Amino acid sequence: ESGGGLVQPGGSLRLSCSASRSIFSIYAMGWYRQAPGKQR
């Protein structure tokens, strides 16, 4: 993964996730997040 950082409210970011094999061979790809003290 890449692309994280600090941004102001209302701003934008783009995250990237590069896979080691063709993404079309993978059933599903997704993004999850985990905040402190919370579940993913």
PDB file of all heavy atoms in Angstrom:
ATOM      1  N   GLU A   1       0.838  -1.202   0.000  1.00  0.00           N
ATOM      2  CA  GLU A   1       0.000   0.000   0.000  1.00  0.00           C
ATOM      3  C   GLU A   1       0.873   1.252   0.000  1.00  0.00           C
ATOM      4  O   GLU A   1       2.001   1.249   0.500  1.00  0.00           O
ATOM      5  CB  GLU A   1      -0.900   0.037   1.236  1.00  0.00           C
ATOM      6  CG  GLU A   1      -1.836  -1.120   1.364  1.00  0.00           C
ATOM      7  CD  GLU A   1      -1.697  -1.815   2.708  1.00  0.00           C
ATOM      8  OE1 GLU A   1      -0.591  -1.746   3.265  1.00  0.00           O
ATOM      9  OE2 GLU A   1      -2.675  -2.397   3.179  1.00  0.00           O
ATOM     10  N   SER A   2       0.295   2.321  -0.504  1.00  0.00           N
ATOM     11  CA  SER A   2       0.945   3.625  -0.438  1.00  0.00           C
ATOM     12  C   SER A   2      -0.117   4.710  -0.532  1.00  0.00           C
ATOM     13  O   SER A   2      -1.262   4.435  -0.909  1.00  0.00           O
ATOM     14  CB  SER A   2       1.968   3.786  -1.560  1.00  0.00           C
ATOM     15  OG  SER A   2       1.345   3.698  -2.820  1.00  0.00           O
ATOM     16  N   GLY A   3       0.270   5.929  -0.165  1.00  0.00           N
ATOM     17  CA  GLY A   3      -0.616   7.072  -0.371  1.00  0.00           C
ATOM     18  C   GLY A   3      -1.222   7.677   0.865  1.00  0.00           C
ATOM     19  O   GLY A   3      -1.943   8.674   0.773  1.00  0.00           O
ATOM     20  N   GLY A   4      -0.976   7.119   2.026  1.00  0.00           N
ATOM     21  CA  GLY A   4      -1.530   7.705   3.242  1.00  0.00           C
ATOM     22  C   GLY A   4      -0.835   9.000   3.605  1.00  0.00           C
ATOM     23  O   GLY A   4       0.135   9.412   2.968  1.00  0.00           O
ATOM     24  N   GLY A   5      -1.351   9.648   4.639  1.00  0.00           N
ATOM     25  CA  GLY A   5      -0.734  10.882   5.098  1.00  0.00           C
ATOM     26  C   GLY A   5      -1.684  11.714   5.932  1.00  0.00           C
ATOM     27  O   GLY A   5      -2.744  11.240   6.356  1.00  0.00           O
ATOM     28  N   LEU A   6      -1.287  12.970   6.121  1.00  0.00           N
ATOM     29  CA  LEU A   6      -2.075  13.925   6.892  1.00  0.00           C
ATOM     30  C   LEU A   6      -2.794  14.861   5.933  1.00  0.00           C
ATOM     31  O   LEU A   6      -2.172  15.413   5.011  1.00  0.00           O
ATOM     32  CB  LEU A   6      -1.158  14.731   7.804  1.00  0.00           C
ATOM     33  CG  LEU A   6      -1.781  15.898   8.577  1.00  0.00           C
ATOM     34  CD1 LEU A   6      -2.827  15.392   9.568  1.00  0.00           C
ATOM     35  CD2 LEU A   6      -0.687  16.698   9.290  1.00  0.00           C
ATOM     36  N   VAL A   7      -4.079  15.048   6.141  1.00  0.00           N
ATOM     37  CA  VAL A   7      -4.873  15.927   5.274  1.00  0.00           C
ATOM     38  C   VAL A   7      -5.875  16.675   6.132  1.00  0.00           C
ATOM     39  O   VAL A   7      -6.332  16.172   7.165  1.00  0.00           O
ATOM     40  CB  VAL A   7      -5.572  15.101   4.168  1.00  0.00           C
ATOM     41  CG1 VAL A   7      -6.556  14.113   4.761  1.00  0.00           C
ATOM     42  CG2 VAL A   7      -6.238  15.991   3.139  1.00  0.00           C
ATOM     43  N   GLN A   8      -6.218  17.868   5.699  1.00  0.00           N
ATOM     44  CA  GLN A   8      -7.209  18.663   6.418  1.00  0.00           C
ATOM     45  C   GLN A   8      -8.615  18.165   6.127  1.00  0.00           C
ATOM     46  O   GLN A   8      -8.863  17.592   5.055  1.00  0.00           O
ATOM     47  CB  GLN A   8      -7.077  20.124   6.025  1.00  0.00           C
ATOM     48  CG  GLN A   8      -5.786  20.781   6.504  1.00  0.00           C
ATOM     49  CD  GLN A   8      -5.780  22.270   6.257  1.00  0.00           C
ATOM     50  OE1 GLN A   8      -6.532  22.787   5.436  1.00  0.00           O
ATOM     51  NE2 GLN A   8      -4.917  22.980   6.970  1.00  0.00           N
ATOM     52  N   PRO A   9      -9.534  18.404   7.033  1.00  0.00           N
ATOM     53  CA  PRO A   9     -10.942  18.052   6.751  1.00  0.00           C
ATOM     54  C   PRO A   9     -11.406  18.678   5.450  1.00  0.00           C
ATOM     55  O   PRO A   9     -11.111  19.857   5.166  1.00  0.00           O
ATOM     56  CB  PRO A   9     -11.684  18.630   7.955  1.00  0.00           C
ATOM     57  CG  PRO A   9     -10.672  18.608   9.062  1.00  0.00           C
ATOM     58  CD  PRO A   9      -9.372  18.934   8.408  1.00  0.00           C
ATOM     59  N   GLY A  10     -12.135  17.886   4.673  1.00  0.00           N
ATOM     60  CA  GLY A  10     -12.591  18.343   3.360  1.00  0.00           C
ATOM     61  C   GLY A  10     -11.627  18.043   2.234  1.00  0.00           C
ATOM     62  O   GLY A  10     -11.972  18.209   1.059  1.00  0.00           O
ATOM     63  N   GLY A  11     -10.434  17.595   2.575  1.00  0.00           N
ATOM     64  CA  GLY A  11      -9.424  17.295   1.568  1.00  0.00           C
ATOM     65  C   GLY A  11      -9.580  15.916   0.966  1.00  0.00           C
ATOM     66  O   GLY A  11     -10.538  15.194   1.257  1.00  0.00           O
ATOM     67  N   SER A  12      -8.613  15.572   0.117  1.00  0.00           N
ATOM     68  CA  SER A  12      -8.651  14.304  -0.605  1.00  0.00           C
ATOM     69  C   SER A  12      -7.313  13.587  -0.499  1.00  0.00           C
ATOM     70  O   SER A  12      -6.264  14.227  -0.352  1.00  0.00           O
ATOM     71  CB  SER A  12      -8.967  14.554  -2.088  1.00  0.00           C
ATOM     72  OG  SER A  12     -10.228  15.150  -2.258  1.00  0.00           O
ATOM     73  N   LEU A  13      -7.382  12.276  -0.595  1.00  0.00           N
ATOM     74  CA  LEU A  13      -6.206  11.425  -0.690  1.00  0.00           C
ATOM     75  C   LEU A  13      -6.540  10.259  -1.596  1.00  0.00           C
ATOM     76  O   LEU A  13      -7.711   9.859  -1.690  1.00  0.00           O
ATOM     77  CB  LEU A  13      -5.799  10.863   0.688  1.00  0.00           C
ATOM     78  CG  LEU A  13      -4.997  11.729   1.653  1.00  0.00           C
ATOM     79  CD1 LEU A  13      -4.814  10.985   2.977  1.00  0.00           C
ATOM     80  CD2 LEU A  13      -3.645  12.113   1.063  1.00  0.00           C
ATOM     81  N   ARG A  14      -5.508   9.716  -2.232  1.00  0.00           N
ATOM     82  CA  ARG A  14      -5.683   8.488  -2.995  1.00  0.00           C
ATOM     83  C   ARG A  14      -4.710   7.444  -2.489  1.00  0.00           C
ATOM     84  O   ARG A  14      -3.500   7.670  -2.479  1.00  0.00           O
ATOM     85  CB  ARG A  14      -5.469   8.718  -4.494  1.00  0.00           C
ATOM     86  CG  ARG A  14      -5.876   7.499  -5.323  1.00  0.00           C
ATOM     87  CD  ARG A  14      -5.714   7.702  -6.808  1.00  0.00           C
ATOM     88  NE  ARG A  14      -4.327   7.596  -7.241  1.00  0.00           N
ATOM     89  CZ  ARG A  14      -3.949   7.346  -8.486  1.00  0.00           C
ATOM     90  NH1 ARG A  14      -4.874   7.188  -9.429  1.00  0.00           N
ATOM     91  NH2 ARG A  14      -2.675   7.285  -8.805  1.00  0.00           N
ATOM     92  N   LEU A  15      -5.260   6.314  -2.100  1.00  0.00           N
ATOM     93  CA  LEU A  15      -4.456   5.175  -1.669  1.00  0.00           C
ATOM     94  C   LEU A  15      -4.275   4.210  -2.832  1.00  0.00           C
ATOM     95  O   LEU A  15      -5.193   4.039  -3.645  1.00  0.00           O
ATOM     96  CB  LEU A  15      -5.117   4.453  -0.499  1.00  0.00           C
ATOM     97  CG  LEU A  15      -5.475   5.300   0.726  1.00  0.00           C
ATOM     98  CD1 LEU A  15      -6.068   4.396   1.809  1.00  0.00           C
ATOM     99  CD2 LEU A  15      -4.278   6.052   1.240  1.00  0.00           C
ATOM    100  N   SER A  16      -3.110   3.575  -2.873  1.00  0.00           N
ATOM    101  CA  SER A  16      -2.819   2.580  -3.893  1.00  0.00           C
ATOM    102  C   SER A  16      -2.451   1.264  -3.240  1.00  0.00           C
ATOM    103  O   SER A  16      -1.810   1.247  -2.184  1.00  0.00           O
ATOM    104  CB  SER A  16      -1.643   3.041  -4.769  1.00  0.00           C
ATOM    105  OG  SER A  16      -1.923   4.268  -5.410  1.00  0.00           O
ATOM    106  N   CYS A  17      -2.848   0.185  -3.872  1.00  0.00           N
ATOM    107  CA  CYS A  17      -2.504  -1.148  -3.401  1.00  0.00           C
ATOM    108  C   CYS A  17      -2.036  -1.958  -4.605  1.00  0.00           C
ATOM    109  O   CYS A  17      -2.846  -2.264  -5.495  1.00  0.00           O
ATOM    110  CB  CYS A  17      -3.695  -1.814  -2.739  1.00  0.00           C
ATOM    111  SG  CYS A  17      -3.410  -3.544  -2.277  1.00  0.00           S
ATOM    112  N   SER A  18      -0.767  -2.310  -4.619  1.00  0.00           N
ATOM    113  CA  SER A  18      -0.199  -3.095  -5.710  1.00  0.00           C
ATOM    114  C   SER A  18      -0.112  -4.556  -5.298  1.00  0.00           C
ATOM    115  O   SER A  18       0.402  -4.874  -4.218  1.00  0.00           O
ATOM    116  CB  SER A  18       1.192  -2.556  -6.059  1.00  0.00           C
ATOM    117  OG  SER A  18       1.095  -1.239  -6.551  1.00  0.00           O
ATOM    118  N   ALA A  19      -0.613  -5.419  -6.158  1.00  0.00           N
ATOM    119  CA  ALA A  19      -0.641  -6.851  -5.890  1.00  0.00           C
ATOM    120  C   ALA A  19       0.459  -7.570  -6.675  1.00  0.00           C
ATOM    121  O   ALA A  19       0.883  -7.109  -7.739  1.00  0.00           O
ATOM    122  CB  ALA A  19      -2.004  -7.434  -6.255  1.00  0.00           C
ATOM    123  N   SER A  20       0.863  -8.719  -6.142  1.00  0.00           N
ATOM    124  CA  SER A  20       1.954  -9.475  -6.763  1.00  0.00           C
ATOM    125  C   SER A  20       1.480 -10.394  -7.878  1.00  0.00           C
ATOM    126  O   SER A  20       2.293 -11.084  -8.494  1.00  0.00           O
ATOM    127  CB  SER A  20       2.677 -10.308  -5.693  1.00  0.00           C
ATOM    128  OG  SER A  20       1.773 -11.215  -5.080  1.00  0.00           O
ATOM    129  N   ARG A  21       0.171 -10.417  -8.123  1.00  0.00           N
ATOM    130  CA  ARG A  21      -0.374 -11.212  -9.212  1.00  0.00           C
ATOM    131  C   ARG A  21      -1.509 -10.447  -9.853  1.00  0.00           C
ATOM    132  O   ARG A  21      -1.961  -9.426  -9.321  1.00  0.00           O
ATOM    133  CB  ARG A  21      -0.821 -12.581  -8.712  1.00  0.00           C
ATOM    134  CG  ARG A  21      -1.975 -12.552  -7.759  1.00  0.00           C
ATOM    135  CD  ARG A  21      -2.315 -13.937  -7.221  1.00  0.00           C
ATOM    136  NE  ARG A  21      -2.482 -14.890  -8.300  1.00  0.00           N
ATOM    137  CZ  ARG A  21      -1.718 -15.969  -8.448  1.00  0.00           C
ATOM    138  NH1 ARG A  21      -0.759 -16.229  -7.590  1.00  0.00           N
ATOM    139  NH2 ARG A  21      -1.934 -16.805  -9.449  1.00  0.00           N
ATOM    140  N   SER A  22      -1.972 -10.944 -10.974  1.00  0.00           N
ATOM    141  CA  SER A  22      -3.044 -10.265 -11.687  1.00  0.00           C
ATOM    142  C   SER A  22      -4.252 -10.069 -10.788  1.00  0.00           C
ATOM    143  O   SER A  22      -4.749 -11.002 -10.170  1.00  0.00           O
ATOM    144  CB  SER A  22      -3.462 -11.081 -12.909  1.00  0.00           C
ATOM    145  OG  SER A  22      -4.657 -10.557 -13.450  1.00  0.00           O
ATOM    146  N   ILE A  23      -4.713  -8.829 -10.719  1.00  0.00           N
ATOM    147  CA  ILE A  23      -5.872  -8.551  -9.854  1.00  0.00           C
ATOM    148  C   ILE A  23      -7.136  -9.203 -10.400  1.00  0.00           C
ATOM    149  O   ILE A  23      -8.097  -9.402  -9.659  1.00  0.00           O
ATOM    150  CB  ILE A  23      -6.078  -7.035  -9.660  1.00  0.00           C
ATOM    151  CG1 ILE A  23      -6.282  -6.326 -10.994  1.00  0.00           C
ATOM    152  CG2 ILE A  23      -4.914  -6.435  -8.881  1.00  0.00           C
ATOM    153  CD1 ILE A  23      -6.624  -4.852 -10.851  1.00  0.00           C
ATOM    154  N   PHE A  24      -7.147  -9.577 -11.661  1.00  0.00           N
ATOM    155  CA  PHE A  24      -8.331 -10.239 -12.230  1.00  0.00           C
ATOM    156  C   PHE A  24      -8.377 -11.717 -11.854  1.00  0.00           C
ATOM    157  O   PHE A  24      -9.386 -12.376 -12.082  1.00  0.00           O
ATOM    158  CB  PHE A  24      -8.351 -10.048 -13.743  1.00  0.00           C
ATOM    159  CG  PHE A  24      -8.491  -8.605 -14.150  1.00  0.00           C
ATOM    160  CD1 PHE A  24      -7.442  -7.950 -14.771  1.00  0.00           C
ATOM    161  CD2 PHE A  24      -9.648  -7.899 -13.868  1.00  0.00           C
ATOM    162  CE1 PHE A  24      -7.551  -6.619 -15.126  1.00  0.00           C
ATOM    163  CE2 PHE A  24      -9.757  -6.563 -14.224  1.00  0.00           C
ATOM    164  CZ  PHE A  24      -8.712  -5.918 -14.860  1.00  0.00           C
ATOM    165  N   SER A  25      -7.280 -12.238 -11.287  1.00  0.00           N
ATOM    166  CA  SER A  25      -7.279 -13.611 -10.795  1.00  0.00           C
ATOM    167  C   SER A  25      -7.727 -13.669  -9.328  1.00  0.00           C
ATOM    168  O   SER A  25      -7.889 -14.759  -8.786  1.00  0.00           O
ATOM    169  CB  SER A  25      -5.877 -14.206 -10.921  1.00  0.00           C
ATOM    170  OG  SER A  25      -4.976 -13.625  -9.987  1.00  0.00           O
ATOM    171  N   ILE A  26      -7.900 -12.499  -8.722  1.00  0.00           N
ATOM    172  CA  ILE A  26      -8.265 -12.406  -7.314  1.00  0.00           C
ATOM    173  C   ILE A  26      -9.762 -12.152  -7.213  1.00  0.00           C
ATOM    174  O   ILE A  26     -10.283 -11.230  -7.847  1.00  0.00           O
ATOM    175  CB  ILE A  26      -7.478 -11.259  -6.636  1.00  0.00           C
ATOM    176  CG1 ILE A  26      -5.972 -11.546  -6.707  1.00  0.00           C
ATOM    177  CG2 ILE A  26      -7.931 -11.073  -5.186  1.00  0.00           C
ATOM    178  CD1 ILE A  26      -5.103 -10.385  -6.285  1.00  0.00           C
ATOM    179  N   TYR A  27     -10.456 -12.945  -6.401  1.00  0.00           N
ATOM    180  CA  TYR A  27     -11.913 -12.841  -6.350  1.00  0.00           C
ATOM    181  C   TYR A  27     -12.366 -11.431  -5.951  1.00  0.00           C
ATOM    182  O   TYR A  27     -13.273 -10.858  -6.564  1.00  0.00           O
ATOM    183  CB  TYR A  27     -12.507 -13.864  -5.396  1.00  0.00           C
ATOM    184  CG  TYR A  27     -13.994 -13.666  -5.202  1.00  0.00           C
ATOM    185  CD1 TYR A  27     -14.887 -13.992  -6.221  1.00  0.00           C
ATOM    186  CD2 TYR A  27     -14.495 -13.100  -4.041  1.00  0.00           C
ATOM    187  CE1 TYR A  27     -16.242 -13.771  -6.080  1.00  0.00           C
ATOM    188  CE2 TYR A  27     -15.857 -12.876  -3.890  1.00  0.00           C
ATOM    189  CZ  TYR A  27     -16.722 -13.219  -4.912  1.00  0.00           C
ATOM    190  OH  TYR A  27     -18.060 -12.982  -4.778  1.00  0.00           O
ATOM    191  N   ALA A  28     -11.733 -10.899  -4.911  1.00  0.00           N
ATOM    192  CA  ALA A  28     -12.113  -9.558  -4.462  1.00  0.00           C
ATOM    193  C   ALA A  28     -10.916  -8.876  -3.830  1.00  0.00           C
ATOM    194  O   ALA A  28     -10.104  -9.511  -3.152  1.00  0.00           O
ATOM    195  CB  ALA A  28     -13.251  -9.617  -3.444  1.00  0.00           C
ATOM    196  N   MET A  29     -10.837  -7.583  -4.084  1.00  0.00           N
ATOM    197  CA  MET A  29      -9.838  -6.755  -3.415  1.00  0.00           C
ATOM    198  C   MET A  29     -10.564  -5.613  -2.746  1.00  0.00           C
ATOM    199  O   MET A  29     -11.533  -5.071  -3.292  1.00  0.00           O
ATOM    200  CB  MET A  29      -8.800  -6.238  -4.407  1.00  0.00           C
ATOM    201  CG  MET A  29      -7.898  -7.336  -4.929  1.00  0.00           C
ATOM    202  SD  MET A  29      -6.494  -6.712  -5.845  1.00  0.00           S
ATOM    203  CE  MET A  29      -5.544  -5.918  -4.535  1.00  0.00           C
ATOM    204  N   GLY A  30     -10.091  -5.269  -1.577  1.00  0.00           N
ATOM    205  CA  GLY A  30     -10.802  -4.227  -0.850  1.00  0.00           C
ATOM    206  C   GLY A  30      -9.915  -3.452   0.090  1.00  0.00           C
ATOM    207  O   GLY A  30      -8.736  -3.777   0.269  1.00  0.00           O
ATOM    208  N   TRP A  31     -10.498  -2.431   0.633  1.00  0.00           N
ATOM    209  CA  TRP A  31      -9.846  -1.593   1.640  1.00  0.00           C
ATOM    210  C   TRP A  31     -10.636  -1.687   2.940  1.00  0.00           C
ATOM    211  O   TRP A  31     -11.874  -1.565   2.926  1.00  0.00           O
ATOM    212  CB  TRP A  31      -9.793  -0.132   1.164  1.00  0.00           C
ATOM    213  CG  TRP A  31      -8.855   0.087   0.034  1.00  0.00           C
ATOM    214  CD1 TRP A  31      -9.142   0.074  -1.297  1.00  0.00           C
ATOM    215  CD2 TRP A  31      -7.449   0.345   0.138  1.00  0.00           C
ATOM    216  NE1 TRP A  31      -8.004   0.325  -2.026  1.00  0.00           N
ATOM    217  CE2 TRP A  31      -6.957   0.484  -1.166  1.00  0.00           C
ATOM    218  CE3 TRP A  31      -6.574   0.490   1.208  1.00  0.00           C
ATOM    219  CZ2 TRP A  31      -5.610   0.757  -1.435  1.00  0.00           C
ATOM    220  CZ3 TRP A  31      -5.241   0.758   0.938  1.00  0.00           C
ATOM    221  CH2 TRP A  31      -4.772   0.887  -0.360  1.00  0.00           C
ATOM    222  N   TYR A  32      -9.902  -1.890   4.005  1.00  0.00           N
ATOM    223  CA  TYR A  32     -10.460  -1.900   5.345  1.00  0.00           C
ATOM    224  C   TYR A  32      -9.738  -0.817   6.144  1.00  0.00           C
ATOM    225  O   TYR A  32      -8.657  -0.372   5.769  1.00  0.00           O
ATOM    226  CB  TYR A  32     -10.243  -3.258   6.014  1.00  0.00           C
ATOM    227  CG  TYR A  32     -11.071  -4.374   5.433  1.00  0.00           C
ATOM    228  CD1 TYR A  32     -10.812  -4.884   4.168  1.00  0.00           C
ATOM    229  CD2 TYR A  32     -12.126  -4.931   6.152  1.00  0.00           C
ATOM    230  CE1 TYR A  32     -11.574  -5.907   3.628  1.00  0.00           C
ATOM    231  CE2 TYR A  32     -12.891  -5.963   5.625  1.00  0.00           C
ATOM    232  CZ  TYR A  32     -12.611  -6.445   4.369  1.00  0.00           C
ATOM    233  OH  TYR A  32     -13.371  -7.455   3.849  1.00  0.00           O
ATOM    234  N   ARG A  33     -10.328  -0.435   7.256  1.00  0.00           N
ATOM    235  CA  ARG A  33      -9.649   0.524   8.115  1.00  0.00           C
ATOM    236  C   ARG A  33      -9.873   0.169   9.575  1.00  0.00           C
ATOM    237  O   ARG A  33     -10.870  -0.464   9.923  1.00  0.00           O
ATOM    238  CB  ARG A  33     -10.122   1.946   7.849  1.00  0.00           C
ATOM    239  CG  ARG A  33     -11.580   2.226   8.202  1.00  0.00           C
ATOM    240  CD  ARG A  33     -11.974   3.623   7.723  1.00  0.00           C
ATOM    241  NE  ARG A  33     -13.358   3.936   8.062  1.00  0.00           N
ATOM    242  CZ  ARG A  33     -14.001   5.029   7.634  1.00  0.00           C
ATOM    243  NH1 ARG A  33     -13.366   5.918   6.851  1.00  0.00           N
ATOM    244  NH2 ARG A  33     -15.243   5.243   7.995  1.00  0.00           N
ATOM    245  N   GLN A  34      -8.933   0.608  10.388  1.00  0.00           N
ATOM    246  CA  GLN A  34      -9.030   0.361  11.819  1.00  0.00           C
ATOM    247  C   GLN A  34      -8.576   1.602  12.566  1.00  0.00           C
ATOM    248  O   GLN A  34      -7.418   2.017  12.446  1.00  0.00           O
ATOM    249  CB  GLN A  34      -8.199  -0.850  12.233  1.00  0.00           C
ATOM    250  CG  GLN A  34      -8.414  -1.266  13.670  1.00  0.00           C
ATOM    251  CD  GLN A  34      -7.844  -2.637  13.976  1.00  0.00           C
ATOM    252  OE1 GLN A  34      -7.010  -3.168  13.248  1.00  0.00           O
ATOM    253  NE2 GLN A  34      -8.323  -3.232  15.053  1.00  0.00           N
ATOM    254  N   ALA A  35      -9.514   2.178  13.304  1.00  0.00           N
ATOM    255  CA  ALA A  35      -9.213   3.331  14.140  1.00  0.00           C
ATOM    256  C   ALA A  35      -8.829   2.837  15.535  1.00  0.00           C
ATOM    257  O   ALA A  35      -9.205   1.728  15.928  1.00  0.00           O
ATOM    258  CB  ALA A  35     -10.421   4.251  14.210  1.00  0.00           C
ATOM    259  N   PRO A  36      -8.100   3.638  16.303  1.00  0.00           N
ATOM    260  CA  PRO A  36      -7.708   3.217  17.653  1.00  0.00           C
ATOM    261  C   PRO A  36      -8.912   2.830  18.494  1.00  0.00           C
ATOM    262  O   PRO A  36      -9.910   3.558  18.566  1.00  0.00           O
ATOM    263  CB  PRO A  36      -7.021   4.465  18.207  1.00  0.00           C
ATOM    264  CG  PRO A  36      -6.516   5.186  17.019  1.00  0.00           C
ATOM    265  CD  PRO A  36      -7.540   4.947  15.944  1.00  0.00           C
ATOM    266  N   GLY A  37      -8.827   1.662  19.109  1.00  0.00           N
ATOM    267  CA  GLY A  37      -9.897   1.200  19.976  1.00  0.00           C
ATOM    268  C   GLY A  37     -11.114   0.660  19.272  1.00  0.00           C
ATOM    269  O   GLY A  37     -12.116   0.332  19.924  1.00  0.00           O
ATOM    270  N   LYS A  38     -11.049   0.552  17.943  1.00  0.00           N
ATOM    271  CA  LYS A  38     -12.205   0.057  17.181  1.00  0.00           C
ATOM    272  C   LYS A  38     -11.821  -1.177  16.377  1.00  0.00           C
ATOM    273  O   LYS A  38     -10.646  -1.433  16.126  1.00  0.00           O
ATOM    274  CB  LYS A  38     -12.727   1.152  16.255  1.00  0.00           C
ATOM    275  CG  LYS A  38     -13.313   2.346  16.989  1.00  0.00           C
ATOM    276  CD  LYS A  38     -13.999   3.300  16.025  1.00  0.00           C
ATOM    277  CE  LYS A  38     -14.654   4.446  16.767  1.00  0.00           C
ATOM    278  NZ  LYS A  38     -15.347   5.370  15.830  1.00  0.00           N
ATOM    279  N   GLN A  39     -12.840  -1.890  15.946  1.00  0.00           N
ATOM    280  CA  GLN A  39     -12.608  -3.063  15.119  1.00  0.00           C
ATOM    281  C   GLN A  39     -12.318  -2.651  13.679  1.00  0.00           C
ATOM    282  O   GLN A  39     -12.740  -1.582  13.214  1.00  0.00           O
ATOM    283  CB  GLN A  39     -13.839  -3.981  15.155  1.00  0.00           C
ATOM    284  CG  GLN A  39     -14.037  -4.685  16.487  1.00  0.00           C
ATOM    285  CD  GLN A  39     -15.102  -5.763  16.416  1.00  0.00           C
ATOM    286  OE1 GLN A  39     -16.024  -5.675  15.604  1.00  0.00           O
ATOM    287  NE2 GLN A  39     -14.965  -6.783  17.223  1.00  0.00           N
ATOM    288  N   ARG A  40     -11.610  -3.513  12.998  1.00  0.00           N
ATOM    289  CA  ARG A  40     -11.355  -3.279  11.575  1.00  0.00           C
ATOM    290  C   ARG A  40     -12.675  -3.401  10.812  1.00  0.00           C
ATOM    291  O   ARG A  40     -13.469  -4.306  11.070  1.00  0.00           O
ATOM    292  CB  ARG A  40     -10.340  -4.298  11.054  1.00  0.00           C
ATOM    293  CG  ARG A  40      -9.769  -3.971   9.702  1.00  0.00           C
ATOM    294  CD  ARG A  40      -8.621  -4.915   9.335  1.00  0.00           C
ATOM    295  NE  ARG A  40      -7.483  -4.768  10.238  1.00  0.00           N
ATOM    296  CZ  ARG A  40      -6.311  -5.365  10.041  1.00  0.00           C
ATOM    297  NH1 ARG A  40      -6.128  -6.118   8.966  1.00  0.00           N
ATOM    298  NH2 ARG A  40      -5.342  -5.196  10.905  1.00  0.00           N
TER     299      ARG A  40
END
